[in-house]
Amino acid sequence: MSRRAIAVLWLVLGVAIWNGFNDIYVSRGAHEFAKMRLEYELGRGPEPDMVAVTQRAKRQGRFAGGIWASIVIAAGWGTILLSSKFKGRRSKHGAHGESRG
């Protein structure tokens, strides 16, 4: 498999991770709103603002997803870069990294 194809696969994995984190945070926001609404109906808290809760959850999801996706993509692409550098060194210096001459 070519380095470009592997890099694209790492990018696809990063997008999937971003989507996963974003979904988790949005789901948490929905649960948070439901809990706040129930507390309001029981007279134990103020009336929640659905827009504010969902906007905060989306913002947090984008941020967390972006961090984790960036880490995974950078690690994957870094691995590709390092493996290509070591592969080049190995072919120049023989199979065991020793200079033959």
Protein backbone atom coordinates (compact mmCIF):
# COMPACT_ATOMS: atom_id res chain seq x y z
CA MET A 1 0.00 0.00 0.00
CA SER A 2 1.38 3.43 -0.87
CA ARG A 3 2.25 6.09 1.70
CA ARG A 4 -0.42 8.36 0.23
CA ALA A 5 -3.13 5.72 0.69
CA ILE A 6 -2.02 5.13 4.28
CA ALA A 7 -2.05 8.89 4.93
CA VAL A 8 -5.60 9.09 3.57
CA LEU A 9 -6.64 6.22 5.84
CA TRP A 10 -5.20 8.09 8.85
CA LEU A 11 -7.17 11.15 7.78
CA VAL A 12 -10.37 9.08 7.50
CA LEU A 13 -9.72 7.69 10.97
CA GLY A 14 -9.28 11.24 12.27
CA VAL A 15 -12.60 12.30 10.77
CA ALA A 16 -14.30 9.29 12.35
CA ILE A 17 -12.78 10.15 15.73
CA TRP A 18 -13.89 13.78 15.39
CA ASN A 19 -17.43 12.61 14.58
CA GLY A 20 -17.41 10.22 17.53
CA PHE A 21 -16.31 12.83 20.04
CA ASN A 22 -18.72 15.40 18.64
CA ASP A 23 -21.58 12.90 18.91
CA ILE A 24 -20.66 12.01 22.50
CA TYR A 25 -20.66 15.64 23.59
CA VAL A 26 -23.92 16.47 21.80
CA SER A 27 -25.53 13.42 23.42
CA ARG A 28 -24.26 14.56 26.81
CA GLY A 29 -25.78 17.98 26.12
CA ALA A 30 -29.16 16.41 25.39
CA HIS A 31 -28.98 14.42 28.63
CA GLU A 32 -27.88 17.52 30.54
CA PHE A 33 -30.83 19.49 29.17
CA ALA A 34 -33.26 16.68 30.08
CA LYS A 35 -31.88 16.60 33.63
CA MET A 36 -32.06 20.39 33.97
CA ARG A 37 -35.62 20.37 32.61
CA LEU A 38 -36.67 17.71 35.10
CA GLU A 39 -35.11 19.68 37.96
CA TYR A 40 -37.00 22.77 36.78
CA GLU A 41 -40.29 20.87 36.65
CA LEU A 42 -39.67 19.62 40.19
CA GLY A 43 -39.01 23.19 41.33
CA ARG A 44 -35.33 22.58 42.07
CA GLY A 45 -33.72 24.90 39.54
CA PRO A 46 -34.17 27.59 36.92
CA GLU A 47 -35.75 26.94 33.54
CA PRO A 48 -33.01 25.67 31.22
CA ASP A 49 -32.25 27.30 27.89
CA MET A 50 -32.12 24.54 25.29
CA VAL A 51 -30.23 26.66 22.77
CA ALA A 52 -27.53 27.58 25.28
CA VAL A 53 -27.10 23.98 26.44
CA THR A 54 -26.88 22.56 22.91
CA GLN A 55 -24.56 25.34 21.68
CA ARG A 56 -22.18 24.70 24.59
CA ALA A 57 -22.28 20.94 23.96
CA LYS A 58 -21.56 21.40 20.25
CA ARG A 59 -18.69 23.80 20.99
CA GLN A 60 -17.15 21.39 23.51
CA GLY A 61 -17.61 18.46 21.11
CA ARG A 62 -15.90 20.28 18.26
CA PHE A 63 -13.03 21.27 20.52
CA ALA A 64 -12.47 17.81 22.06
CA GLY A 65 -12.96 16.09 18.71
CA GLY A 66 -10.52 18.45 17.05
CA ILE A 67 -7.86 17.82 19.68
CA TRP A 68 -8.14 14.03 19.53
CA ALA A 69 -8.45 13.87 15.75
CA SER A 70 -5.37 16.10 15.41
CA ILE A 71 -3.39 13.89 17.79
CA VAL A 72 -4.31 10.71 15.91
CA ILE A 73 -3.68 12.18 12.46
CA ALA A 74 -0.36 13.71 13.54
CA ALA A 75 0.74 10.43 15.12
CA GLY A 76 -0.22 8.48 12.00
CA TRP A 77 1.42 10.86 9.59
CA GLY A 78 4.47 11.12 11.85
CA THR A 79 4.76 7.35 11.81
CA ILE A 80 4.62 7.36 8.01
CA LEU A 81 7.31 10.03 7.86
CA LEU A 82 9.58 8.27 10.34
CA SER A 83 9.15 4.88 8.72
CA SER A 84 10.08 6.30 5.32
CA LYS A 85 13.18 7.97 6.79
CA PHE A 86 14.28 4.77 8.52
CA LYS A 87 13.55 2.73 5.40
CA GLY A 88 15.81 5.07 3.41
CA ARG A 89 18.60 4.82 6.01
CA ARG A 90 18.36 1.04 6.13
CA SER A 91 18.70 0.69 2.36
CA LYS A 92 21.77 2.98 2.36
CA HIS A 93 23.51 1.20 5.25
CA GLY A 94 22.54 -2.40 4.70
CA ALA A 95 20.07 -4.60 6.52
CA HIS A 96 21.55 -4.08 10.01
CA GLY A 97 22.24 -0.36 9.78
CA GLU A 98 25.96 -0.92 9.28
CA SER A 99 27.96 0.69 6.54
CA ARG A 100 29.38 -1.78 4.04
CA GLY A 101 32.44 -0.66 2.32
